[in-house]
Amino acid sequence: MRNTQARSSRATAARSAMDSLPLPKYHQIYLVLRQKLDEGLYDDGVPPEKELAQQFGVGRVTVRRALEQLVNEGLIIREAGRGTWPAPRAEQQDAAAQGDSVNLRLGGLLNNIVQASRRTSIKVLEWSVIRASPALAQALQVAEGSDVRKIVRTRSSSAGPVSFITTYLPVERAKGFTRADVARKPVLQLLEESGVEWGRARQTISASQADATVAAELDVAIGAALLSVRRLVYDSNDQTVQLLHGLYRPDRYEYQMELTQFGDIDARVAEGEILP
């Protein structure tokens, strides 16, 4: 009796939480299932559709759509009449390694950022030259009021919009770039091809909320929680090359960092498909 009441209570809580979120129910279920897969809670098999439907208080069609998304991303394997299991981790790691097969002279995190962005499509929303405000001039190490190239883009994966990115460059750094160029290649790659020799990068990550413009582009509700990334990139002479402000959907972007006792840092990002 107690077990039945506990299951009923959990199902009621799950339905209440889902009803309060702006995302479609199938996508909410997908996010929960993906998290459980990442935590290894389904290593012995994913519960059948009927059980999941009861757990989340939805129809089996909704559950099936969430499972299909996990199949499409290579996170689970389904066999008719046999069940559903997590995809082998080795296969996922091999796929990620193949995505990183193109190596630039960028090191560590910057190289990974470029590789992750290669797996997304770009839409250029703004390509303009603006006057540097005091804060922007200080960040880019240019004179106040000088010309700055502003680029606003969105990135999308097969799952949908991932990020809303605003990039600022000293105008001389962007000479030779065109709007078509930034729609085809990451700005970091274009900068390297123009002869930039990399020095260091400084990055901060915080939380933000979507305004009306960002919400429309990222397909989220106004006020939805987003990851906010601010990144300053310097060349080998310690001159600012790029200022980037990115807003990312937390369900489609992940930042991983591993610290060792020796002080080394291994950082990694994923866009569109979250790495296990």
C-alpha atoms as a PDB file:
ATOM      1  CA  MET A   1       0.000   0.000   0.000  1.00  0.00           C
ATOM      2  CA  ARG A   2       2.796   2.400   0.937  1.00  0.00           C
ATOM      3  CA  ASN A   3       4.658   1.661  -2.328  1.00  0.00           C
ATOM      4  CA  THR A   4       1.506   2.387  -4.341  1.00  0.00           C
ATOM      5  CA  GLN A   5       0.995   5.675  -2.514  1.00  0.00           C
ATOM      6  CA  ALA A   6       4.654   6.632  -2.991  1.00  0.00           C
ATOM      7  CA  ARG A   7       4.483   5.950  -6.739  1.00  0.00           C
ATOM      8  CA  SER A   8       1.250   7.927  -6.985  1.00  0.00           C
ATOM      9  CA  SER A   9       2.840  10.818  -5.078  1.00  0.00           C
ATOM     10  CA  ARG A  10       5.923  10.841  -7.337  1.00  0.00           C
ATOM     11  CA  ALA A  11       3.760  10.743 -10.465  1.00  0.00           C
ATOM     12  CA  THR A  12       1.663  13.658  -9.185  1.00  0.00           C
ATOM     13  CA  ALA A  13       4.798  15.667  -8.407  1.00  0.00           C
ATOM     14  CA  ALA A  14       6.234  14.922 -11.855  1.00  0.00           C
ATOM     15  CA  ARG A  15       3.021  16.044 -13.584  1.00  0.00           C
ATOM     16  CA  SER A  16       2.910  19.242 -11.524  1.00  0.00           C
ATOM     17  CA  ALA A  17       6.525  20.098 -12.338  1.00  0.00           C
ATOM     18  CA  MET A  18       6.022  19.422 -16.046  1.00  0.00           C
ATOM     19  CA  ASP A  19       2.868  21.543 -16.224  1.00  0.00           C
ATOM     20  CA  SER A  20       4.803  24.518 -14.814  1.00  0.00           C
ATOM     21  CA  LEU A  21       7.533  24.419 -17.484  1.00  0.00           C
ATOM     22  CA  PRO A  22       7.251  26.199 -20.889  1.00  0.00           C
ATOM     23  CA  LEU A  23       8.845  23.353 -22.878  1.00  0.00           C
ATOM     24  CA  PRO A  24       6.696  20.731 -24.670  1.00  0.00           C
ATOM     25  CA  LYS A  25       6.019  17.732 -22.449  1.00  0.00           C
ATOM     26  CA  TYR A  26       7.833  15.299 -24.719  1.00  0.00           C
ATOM     27  CA  HIS A  27      10.954  17.469 -24.517  1.00  0.00           C
ATOM     28  CA  GLN A  28      10.705  17.694 -20.733  1.00  0.00           C
ATOM     29  CA  ILE A  29      10.553  13.899 -20.578  1.00  0.00           C
ATOM     30  CA  TYR A  30      13.486  13.679 -22.981  1.00  0.00           C
ATOM     31  CA  LEU A  31      15.579  15.907 -20.692  1.00  0.00           C
ATOM     32  CA  VAL A  32      14.760  13.829 -17.601  1.00  0.00           C
ATOM     33  CA  LEU A  33      15.519  10.553 -19.383  1.00  0.00           C
ATOM     34  CA  ARG A  34      18.779  11.906 -20.780  1.00  0.00           C
ATOM     35  CA  GLN A  35      19.891  12.960 -17.313  1.00  0.00           C
ATOM     36  CA  LYS A  36      19.092   9.501 -15.915  1.00  0.00           C
ATOM     37  CA  LEU A  37      21.059   7.941 -18.775  1.00  0.00           C
ATOM     38  CA  ASP A  38      24.041  10.181 -18.018  1.00  0.00           C
ATOM     39  CA  GLU A  39      23.861   9.173 -14.351  1.00  0.00           C
ATOM     40  CA  GLY A  40      23.853   5.480 -15.261  1.00  0.00           C
ATOM     41  CA  LEU A  41      20.416   4.859 -13.742  1.00  0.00           C
ATOM     42  CA  TYR A  42      19.219   2.966 -16.819  1.00  0.00           C
ATOM     43  CA  ASP A  43      22.267   0.773 -17.382  1.00  0.00           C
ATOM     44  CA  ASP A  44      20.064  -2.309 -16.934  1.00  0.00           C
ATOM     45  CA  GLY A  45      17.498  -1.032 -19.403  1.00  0.00           C
ATOM     46  CA  VAL A  46      15.106   1.867 -19.904  1.00  0.00           C
ATOM     47  CA  PRO A  47      11.604   1.281 -18.486  1.00  0.00           C
ATOM     48  CA  PRO A  48       8.927   0.390 -21.068  1.00  0.00           C
ATOM     49  CA  GLU A  49       6.693   3.056 -22.601  1.00  0.00           C
ATOM     50  CA  LYS A  50       3.682   2.114 -20.465  1.00  0.00           C
ATOM     51  CA  GLU A  51       5.628   2.486 -17.221  1.00  0.00           C
ATOM     52  CA  LEU A  52       7.133   5.805 -18.284  1.00  0.00           C
ATOM     53  CA  ALA A  53       3.713   7.108 -19.356  1.00  0.00           C
ATOM     54  CA  GLN A  54       2.340   6.312 -15.906  1.00  0.00           C
ATOM     55  CA  GLN A  55       5.366   7.851 -14.209  1.00  0.00           C
ATOM     56  CA  PHE A  56       5.059  11.148 -16.088  1.00  0.00           C
ATOM     57  CA  GLY A  57       1.285  11.203 -16.338  1.00  0.00           C
ATOM     58  CA  VAL A  58       1.174  11.461 -20.131  1.00  0.00           C
ATOM     59  CA  GLY A  59       0.141   9.331 -23.095  1.00  0.00           C
ATOM     60  CA  ARG A  60       2.415   6.724 -24.622  1.00  0.00           C
ATOM     61  CA  VAL A  61       2.644   8.782 -27.824  1.00  0.00           C
ATOM     62  CA  THR A  62       4.331  11.584 -25.856  1.00  0.00           C
ATOM     63  CA  VAL A  63       6.779   9.135 -24.264  1.00  0.00           C
ATOM     64  CA  ARG A  64       7.477   7.532 -27.639  1.00  0.00           C
ATOM     65  CA  ARG A  65       8.392  10.912 -29.123  1.00  0.00           C
ATOM     66  CA  ALA A  66      10.877  11.553 -26.292  1.00  0.00           C
ATOM     67  CA  LEU A  67      12.415   8.109 -26.808  1.00  0.00           C
ATOM     68  CA  GLU A  68      12.672   8.682 -30.553  1.00  0.00           C
ATOM     69  CA  GLN A  69      14.687  11.844 -29.917  1.00  0.00           C
ATOM     70  CA  LEU A  70      17.083   9.856 -27.725  1.00  0.00           C
ATOM     71  CA  VAL A  71      17.382   7.251 -30.501  1.00  0.00           C
ATOM     72  CA  ASN A  72      18.094   9.954 -33.092  1.00  0.00           C
ATOM     73  CA  GLU A  73      20.903  11.328 -30.911  1.00  0.00           C
ATOM     74  CA  GLY A  74      22.430   7.870 -30.521  1.00  0.00           C
ATOM     75  CA  LEU A  75      21.838   7.749 -26.765  1.00  0.00           C
ATOM     76  CA  ILE A  76      19.633   4.651 -26.661  1.00  0.00           C
ATOM     77  CA  ILE A  77      18.989   1.524 -28.728  1.00  0.00           C
ATOM     78  CA  ARG A  78      15.455   0.148 -29.162  1.00  0.00           C
ATOM     79  CA  GLU A  79      14.618  -3.328 -30.380  1.00  0.00           C
ATOM     80  CA  ALA A  80      11.022  -4.361 -30.991  1.00  0.00           C
ATOM     81  CA  GLY A  81       9.941  -7.029 -28.532  1.00  0.00           C
ATOM     82  CA  ARG A  82      13.237  -6.918 -26.621  1.00  0.00           C
ATOM     83  CA  GLY A  83      13.402  -3.530 -24.931  1.00  0.00           C
ATOM     84  CA  THR A  84      15.417  -0.317 -24.781  1.00  0.00           C
ATOM     85  CA  TRP A  85      19.006   0.113 -23.565  1.00  0.00           C
ATOM     86  CA  PRO A  86      21.599   2.883 -23.300  1.00  0.00           C
ATOM     87  CA  ALA A  87      23.864   3.018 -26.363  1.00  0.00           C
ATOM     88  CA  PRO A  88      27.395   1.733 -25.699  1.00  0.00           C
ATOM     89  CA  ARG A  89      29.588   4.520 -24.358  1.00  0.00           C
ATOM     90  CA  ALA A  90      32.468   3.550 -26.617  1.00  0.00           C
ATOM     91  CA  GLU A  91      30.374   4.253 -29.710  1.00  0.00           C
ATOM     92  CA  GLN A  92      29.487   7.703 -28.430  1.00  0.00           C
ATOM     93  CA  GLN A  93      33.106   8.507 -27.610  1.00  0.00           C
ATOM     94  CA  ASP A  94      34.240   7.333 -31.062  1.00  0.00           C
ATOM     95  CA  ALA A  95      31.637   9.587 -32.682  1.00  0.00           C
ATOM     96  CA  ALA A  96      32.864  12.548 -30.646  1.00  0.00           C
ATOM     97  CA  ALA A  97      36.458  11.781 -31.591  1.00  0.00           C
ATOM     98  CA  GLN A  98      35.549  11.730 -35.295  1.00  0.00           C
ATOM     99  CA  GLY A  99      33.952  15.161 -34.900  1.00  0.00           C
ATOM    100  CA  ASP A 100      37.279  16.491 -33.588  1.00  0.00           C
ATOM    101  CA  SER A 101      39.327  15.097 -36.463  1.00  0.00           C
ATOM    102  CA  VAL A 102      40.156  18.540 -37.887  1.00  0.00           C
ATOM    103  CA  ASN A 103      42.893  20.125 -35.759  1.00  0.00           C
ATOM    104  CA  LEU A 104      43.748  23.793 -35.849  1.00  0.00           C
ATOM    105  CA  ARG A 105      46.649  25.513 -34.110  1.00  0.00           C
ATOM    106  CA  LEU A 106      44.196  26.579 -31.441  1.00  0.00           C
ATOM    107  CA  GLY A 107      44.848  24.861 -28.139  1.00  0.00           C
ATOM    108  CA  GLY A 108      42.631  23.218 -25.557  1.00  0.00           C
ATOM    109  CA  LEU A 109      39.270  24.852 -25.015  1.00  0.00           C
ATOM    110  CA  LEU A 110      39.431  27.163 -28.052  1.00  0.00           C
ATOM    111  CA  ASN A 111      40.049  24.229 -30.365  1.00  0.00           C
ATOM    112  CA  ASN A 112      37.137  22.346 -28.835  1.00  0.00           C
ATOM    113  CA  ILE A 113      34.871  25.374 -29.249  1.00  0.00           C
ATOM    114  CA  VAL A 114      35.648  25.456 -32.965  1.00  0.00           C
ATOM    115  CA  GLN A 115      35.086  21.714 -33.364  1.00  0.00           C
ATOM    116  CA  ALA A 116      31.755  21.854 -31.505  1.00  0.00           C
ATOM    117  CA  SER A 117      30.574  24.791 -33.608  1.00  0.00           C
ATOM    118  CA  ARG A 118      31.327  22.867 -36.809  1.00  0.00           C
ATOM    119  CA  ARG A 119      28.408  20.579 -35.948  1.00  0.00           C
ATOM    120  CA  THR A 120      25.906  23.444 -35.930  1.00  0.00           C
ATOM    121  CA  SER A 121      24.379  25.661 -38.609  1.00  0.00           C
ATOM    122  CA  ILE A 122      24.725  29.457 -38.479  1.00  0.00           C
ATOM    123  CA  LYS A 123      22.266  32.265 -39.138  1.00  0.00           C
ATOM    124  CA  VAL A 124      23.727  35.789 -39.285  1.00  0.00           C
ATOM    125  CA  LEU A 125      21.304  38.315 -37.755  1.00  0.00           C
ATOM    126  CA  GLU A 126      23.531  41.405 -37.799  1.00  0.00           C
ATOM    127  CA  TRP A 127      26.713  42.430 -39.619  1.00  0.00           C
ATOM    128  CA  SER A 128      27.512  46.025 -38.772  1.00  0.00           C
ATOM    129  CA  VAL A 129      30.134  48.541 -37.674  1.00  0.00           C
ATOM    130  CA  ILE A 130      29.455  50.439 -34.457  1.00  0.00           C
ATOM    131  CA  ARG A 131      31.263  53.040 -32.351  1.00  0.00           C
ATOM    132  CA  ALA A 132      33.081  51.657 -29.316  1.00  0.00           C
ATOM    133  CA  SER A 133      31.460  52.566 -26.010  1.00  0.00           C
ATOM    134  CA  PRO A 134      33.788  53.201 -23.040  1.00  0.00           C
ATOM    135  CA  ALA A 135      33.325  49.654 -21.747  1.00  0.00           C
ATOM    136  CA  LEU A 136      33.734  48.081 -25.182  1.00  0.00           C
ATOM    137  CA  ALA A 137      36.798  50.208 -25.922  1.00  0.00           C
ATOM    138  CA  GLN A 138      38.425  49.090 -22.694  1.00  0.00           C
ATOM    139  CA  ALA A 139      37.709  45.399 -23.391  1.00  0.00           C
ATOM    140  CA  LEU A 140      39.010  45.544 -26.973  1.00  0.00           C
ATOM    141  CA  GLN A 141      41.945  47.856 -26.137  1.00  0.00           C
ATOM    142  CA  VAL A 142      40.864  50.453 -28.704  1.00  0.00           C
ATOM    143  CA  ALA A 143      40.094  54.157 -28.506  1.00  0.00           C
ATOM    144  CA  GLU A 144      36.640  55.164 -27.346  1.00  0.00           C
ATOM    145  CA  GLY A 145      34.409  55.900 -30.345  1.00  0.00           C
ATOM    146  CA  SER A 146      36.568  53.938 -32.793  1.00  0.00           C
ATOM    147  CA  ASP A 147      35.029  51.507 -35.282  1.00  0.00           C
ATOM    148  CA  VAL A 148      34.184  48.021 -34.026  1.00  0.00           C
ATOM    149  CA  ARG A 149      32.807  45.152 -36.066  1.00  0.00           C
ATOM    150  CA  LYS A 150      29.650  43.693 -34.472  1.00  0.00           C
ATOM    151  CA  ILE A 151      28.380  40.255 -35.515  1.00  0.00           C
ATOM    152  CA  VAL A 152      25.201  38.694 -34.146  1.00  0.00           C
ATOM    153  CA  ARG A 153      24.492  35.059 -34.998  1.00  0.00           C
ATOM    154  CA  THR A 154      22.461  32.096 -33.864  1.00  0.00           C
ATOM    155  CA  ARG A 155      23.635  28.499 -33.955  1.00  0.00           C
ATOM    156  CA  SER A 156      21.354  25.521 -34.360  1.00  0.00           C
ATOM    157  CA  SER A 157      21.762  21.763 -34.290  1.00  0.00           C
ATOM    158  CA  SER A 158      19.401  19.054 -35.491  1.00  0.00           C
ATOM    159  CA  ALA A 159      17.629  19.437 -32.127  1.00  0.00           C
ATOM    160  CA  GLY A 160      16.954  23.148 -32.751  1.00  0.00           C
ATOM    161  CA  PRO A 161      18.441  26.529 -31.704  1.00  0.00           C
ATOM    162  CA  VAL A 162      21.461  26.306 -29.402  1.00  0.00           C
ATOM    163  CA  SER A 163      22.930  29.771 -28.919  1.00  0.00           C
ATOM    164  CA  PHE A 164      22.573  33.503 -29.525  1.00  0.00           C
ATOM    165  CA  ILE A 165      26.068  34.945 -29.952  1.00  0.00           C
ATOM    166  CA  THR A 166      27.235  38.549 -30.196  1.00  0.00           C
ATOM    167  CA  THR A 167      30.854  39.042 -31.235  1.00  0.00           C
ATOM    168  CA  TYR A 168      32.878  42.270 -31.259  1.00  0.00           C
ATOM    169  CA  LEU A 169      36.194  42.674 -33.108  1.00  0.00           C
ATOM    170  CA  PRO A 170      38.506  45.645 -33.591  1.00  0.00           C
ATOM    171  CA  VAL A 171      37.581  46.632 -37.135  1.00  0.00           C
ATOM    172  CA  GLU A 172      41.094  46.020 -38.488  1.00  0.00           C
ATOM    173  CA  ARG A 173      40.911  42.425 -37.241  1.00  0.00           C
ATOM    174  CA  ALA A 174      37.860  41.800 -39.430  1.00  0.00           C
ATOM    175  CA  LYS A 175      39.312  43.235 -42.638  1.00  0.00           C
ATOM    176  CA  GLY A 176      38.743  40.761 -45.441  1.00  0.00           C
ATOM    177  CA  PHE A 177      35.841  39.043 -43.645  1.00  0.00           C
ATOM    178  CA  THR A 178      32.391  39.099 -45.239  1.00  0.00           C
ATOM    179  CA  ARG A 179      28.942  38.334 -43.920  1.00  0.00           C
ATOM    180  CA  ALA A 180      29.030  35.124 -45.966  1.00  0.00           C
ATOM    181  CA  ASP A 181      32.328  34.123 -44.326  1.00  0.00           C
ATOM    182  CA  VAL A 182      30.926  34.288 -40.781  1.00  0.00           C
ATOM    183  CA  ALA A 183      27.898  32.296 -41.917  1.00  0.00           C
ATOM    184  CA  ARG A 184      30.194  29.474 -43.055  1.00  0.00           C
ATOM    185  CA  LYS A 185      33.017  29.370 -40.524  1.00  0.00           C
ATOM    186  CA  PRO A 186      33.641  30.054 -36.816  1.00  0.00           C
ATOM    187  CA  VAL A 187      35.103  33.530 -36.252  1.00  0.00           C
ATOM    188  CA  LEU A 188      38.065  32.001 -34.397  1.00  0.00           C
ATOM    189  CA  GLN A 189      38.923  30.004 -37.495  1.00  0.00           C
ATOM    190  CA  LEU A 190      38.657  33.084 -39.730  1.00  0.00           C
ATOM    191  CA  LEU A 191      40.932  34.992 -37.379  1.00  0.00           C
ATOM    192  CA  GLU A 192      43.525  32.245 -37.432  1.00  0.00           C
ATOM    193  CA  GLU A 193      43.386  32.061 -41.233  1.00  0.00           C
ATOM    194  CA  SER A 194      44.027  35.815 -41.304  1.00  0.00           C
ATOM    195  CA  GLY A 195      47.307  35.273 -39.441  1.00  0.00           C
ATOM    196  CA  VAL A 196      46.410  35.704 -35.765  1.00  0.00           C
ATOM    197  CA  GLU A 197      48.774  33.876 -33.403  1.00  0.00           C
ATOM    198  CA  TRP A 198      46.928  32.867 -30.260  1.00  0.00           C
ATOM    199  CA  GLY A 199      47.920  33.915 -26.792  1.00  0.00           C
ATOM    200  CA  ARG A 200      45.343  33.402 -24.051  1.00  0.00           C
ATOM    201  CA  ALA A 201      41.628  33.602 -23.369  1.00  0.00           C
ATOM    202  CA  ARG A 202      39.641  34.704 -20.331  1.00  0.00           C
ATOM    203  CA  GLN A 203      36.119  33.401 -19.899  1.00  0.00           C
ATOM    204  CA  THR A 204      33.327  33.864 -17.370  1.00  0.00           C
ATOM    205  CA  ILE A 205      30.134  31.824 -17.161  1.00  0.00           C
ATOM    206  CA  SER A 206      27.005  32.992 -15.367  1.00  0.00           C
ATOM    207  CA  ALA A 207      23.227  32.872 -15.634  1.00  0.00           C
ATOM    208  CA  SER A 208      20.950  35.151 -17.624  1.00  0.00           C
ATOM    209  CA  GLN A 209      17.334  35.433 -18.742  1.00  0.00           C
ATOM    210  CA  ALA A 210      15.990  35.591 -22.259  1.00  0.00           C
ATOM    211  CA  ASP A 211      14.587  38.900 -23.464  1.00  0.00           C
ATOM    212  CA  ALA A 212      11.985  39.044 -26.233  1.00  0.00           C
ATOM    213  CA  THR A 213      14.526  38.995 -29.089  1.00  0.00           C
ATOM    214  CA  VAL A 214      16.627  36.159 -27.701  1.00  0.00           C
ATOM    215  CA  ALA A 215      13.558  34.158 -26.666  1.00  0.00           C
ATOM    216  CA  ALA A 216      12.184  34.282 -30.212  1.00  0.00           C
ATOM    217  CA  GLU A 217      15.495  33.186 -31.753  1.00  0.00           C
ATOM    218  CA  LEU A 218      16.182  30.381 -29.255  1.00  0.00           C
ATOM    219  CA  ASP A 219      12.563  29.177 -29.132  1.00  0.00           C
ATOM    220  CA  VAL A 220      12.204  29.630 -25.375  1.00  0.00           C
ATOM    221  CA  ALA A 221       9.862  31.641 -23.163  1.00  0.00           C
ATOM    222  CA  ILE A 222      10.673  35.252 -22.291  1.00  0.00           C
ATOM    223  CA  GLY A 223      12.527  35.164 -18.996  1.00  0.00           C
ATOM    224  CA  ALA A 224      13.754  31.586 -19.509  1.00  0.00           C
ATOM    225  CA  ALA A 225      17.033  30.744 -17.799  1.00  0.00           C
ATOM    226  CA  LEU A 226      20.084  30.709 -20.095  1.00  0.00           C
ATOM    227  CA  LEU A 227      23.799  30.174 -19.702  1.00  0.00           C
ATOM    228  CA  SER A 228      25.725  33.385 -20.294  1.00  0.00           C
ATOM    229  CA  VAL A 229      29.329  33.152 -21.516  1.00  0.00           C
ATOM    230  CA  ARG A 230      31.644  36.147 -21.831  1.00  0.00           C
ATOM    231  CA  ARG A 231      34.972  35.421 -23.506  1.00  0.00           C
ATOM    232  CA  LEU A 232      37.937  37.691 -24.244  1.00  0.00           C
ATOM    233  CA  VAL A 233      40.537  36.222 -26.603  1.00  0.00           C
ATOM    234  CA  TYR A 234      44.059  37.644 -26.908  1.00  0.00           C
ATOM    235  CA  ASP A 235      46.840  37.153 -29.428  1.00  0.00           C
ATOM    236  CA  SER A 236      50.457  36.254 -28.660  1.00  0.00           C
ATOM    237  CA  ASN A 237      51.204  39.960 -28.075  1.00  0.00           C
ATOM    238  CA  ASP A 238      48.412  40.079 -25.448  1.00  0.00           C
ATOM    239  CA  GLN A 239      46.270  42.318 -27.642  1.00  0.00           C
ATOM    240  CA  THR A 240      42.526  41.699 -27.614  1.00  0.00           C
ATOM    241  CA  VAL A 241      41.348  39.868 -30.716  1.00  0.00           C
ATOM    242  CA  GLN A 242      37.722  39.156 -29.884  1.00  0.00           C
ATOM    243  CA  LEU A 243      35.029  39.830 -27.301  1.00  0.00           C
ATOM    244  CA  LEU A 244      32.189  37.320 -27.351  1.00  0.00           C
ATOM    245  CA  HIS A 245      28.957  37.274 -25.396  1.00  0.00           C
ATOM    246  CA  GLY A 246      27.003  34.072 -25.884  1.00  0.00           C
ATOM    247  CA  LEU A 247      23.606  33.071 -24.528  1.00  0.00           C
ATOM    248  CA  TYR A 248      23.044  29.310 -24.584  1.00  0.00           C
ATOM    249  CA  ARG A 249      20.094  27.019 -23.990  1.00  0.00           C
ATOM    250  CA  PRO A 250      21.196  24.887 -21.011  1.00  0.00           C
ATOM    251  CA  ASP A 251      19.461  21.812 -22.438  1.00  0.00           C
ATOM    252  CA  ARG A 252      21.613  21.980 -25.593  1.00  0.00           C
ATOM    253  CA  TYR A 253      24.954  23.291 -24.376  1.00  0.00           C
ATOM    254  CA  GLU A 254      27.390  21.824 -21.889  1.00  0.00           C
ATOM    255  CA  TYR A 255      30.712  22.979 -20.478  1.00  0.00           C
ATOM    256  CA  GLN A 256      32.933  20.330 -18.902  1.00  0.00           C
ATOM    257  CA  MET A 257      36.144  20.962 -16.981  1.00  0.00           C
ATOM    258  CA  GLU A 258      38.556  18.531 -15.381  1.00  0.00           C
ATOM    259  CA  LEU A 259      41.160  19.763 -12.913  1.00  0.00           C
ATOM    260  CA  THR A 260      44.116  17.658 -11.830  1.00  0.00           C
ATOM    261  CA  GLN A 261      46.264  17.868  -8.698  1.00  0.00           C
ATOM    262  CA  PHE A 262      49.080  19.139 -10.894  1.00  0.00           C
ATOM    263  CA  GLY A 263      47.097  22.179 -11.949  1.00  0.00           C
ATOM    264  CA  ASP A 264      46.378  21.115 -15.528  1.00  0.00           C
ATOM    265  CA  ILE A 265      42.943  21.959 -16.921  1.00  0.00           C
ATOM    266  CA  ASP A 266      41.088  19.960 -19.538  1.00  0.00           C
ATOM    267  CA  ALA A 267      38.013  21.901 -20.673  1.00  0.00           C
ATOM    268  CA  ARG A 268      35.398  20.785 -23.182  1.00  0.00           C
ATOM    269  CA  VAL A 269      32.146  22.102 -24.603  1.00  0.00           C
ATOM    270  CA  ALA A 270      29.341  20.507 -26.559  1.00  0.00           C
ATOM    271  CA  GLU A 271      26.694  22.295 -28.623  1.00  0.00           C
ATOM    272  CA  GLY A 272      23.498  20.694 -29.795  1.00  0.00           C
ATOM    273  CA  GLU A 273      24.214  17.212 -28.529  1.00  0.00           C
ATOM    274  CA  ILE A 274      25.264  17.037 -24.899  1.00  0.00           C
ATOM    275  CA  LEU A 275      28.250  14.762 -24.384  1.00  0.00           C
ATOM    276  CA  PRO A 276      27.750  11.811 -22.009  1.00  0.00           C
END
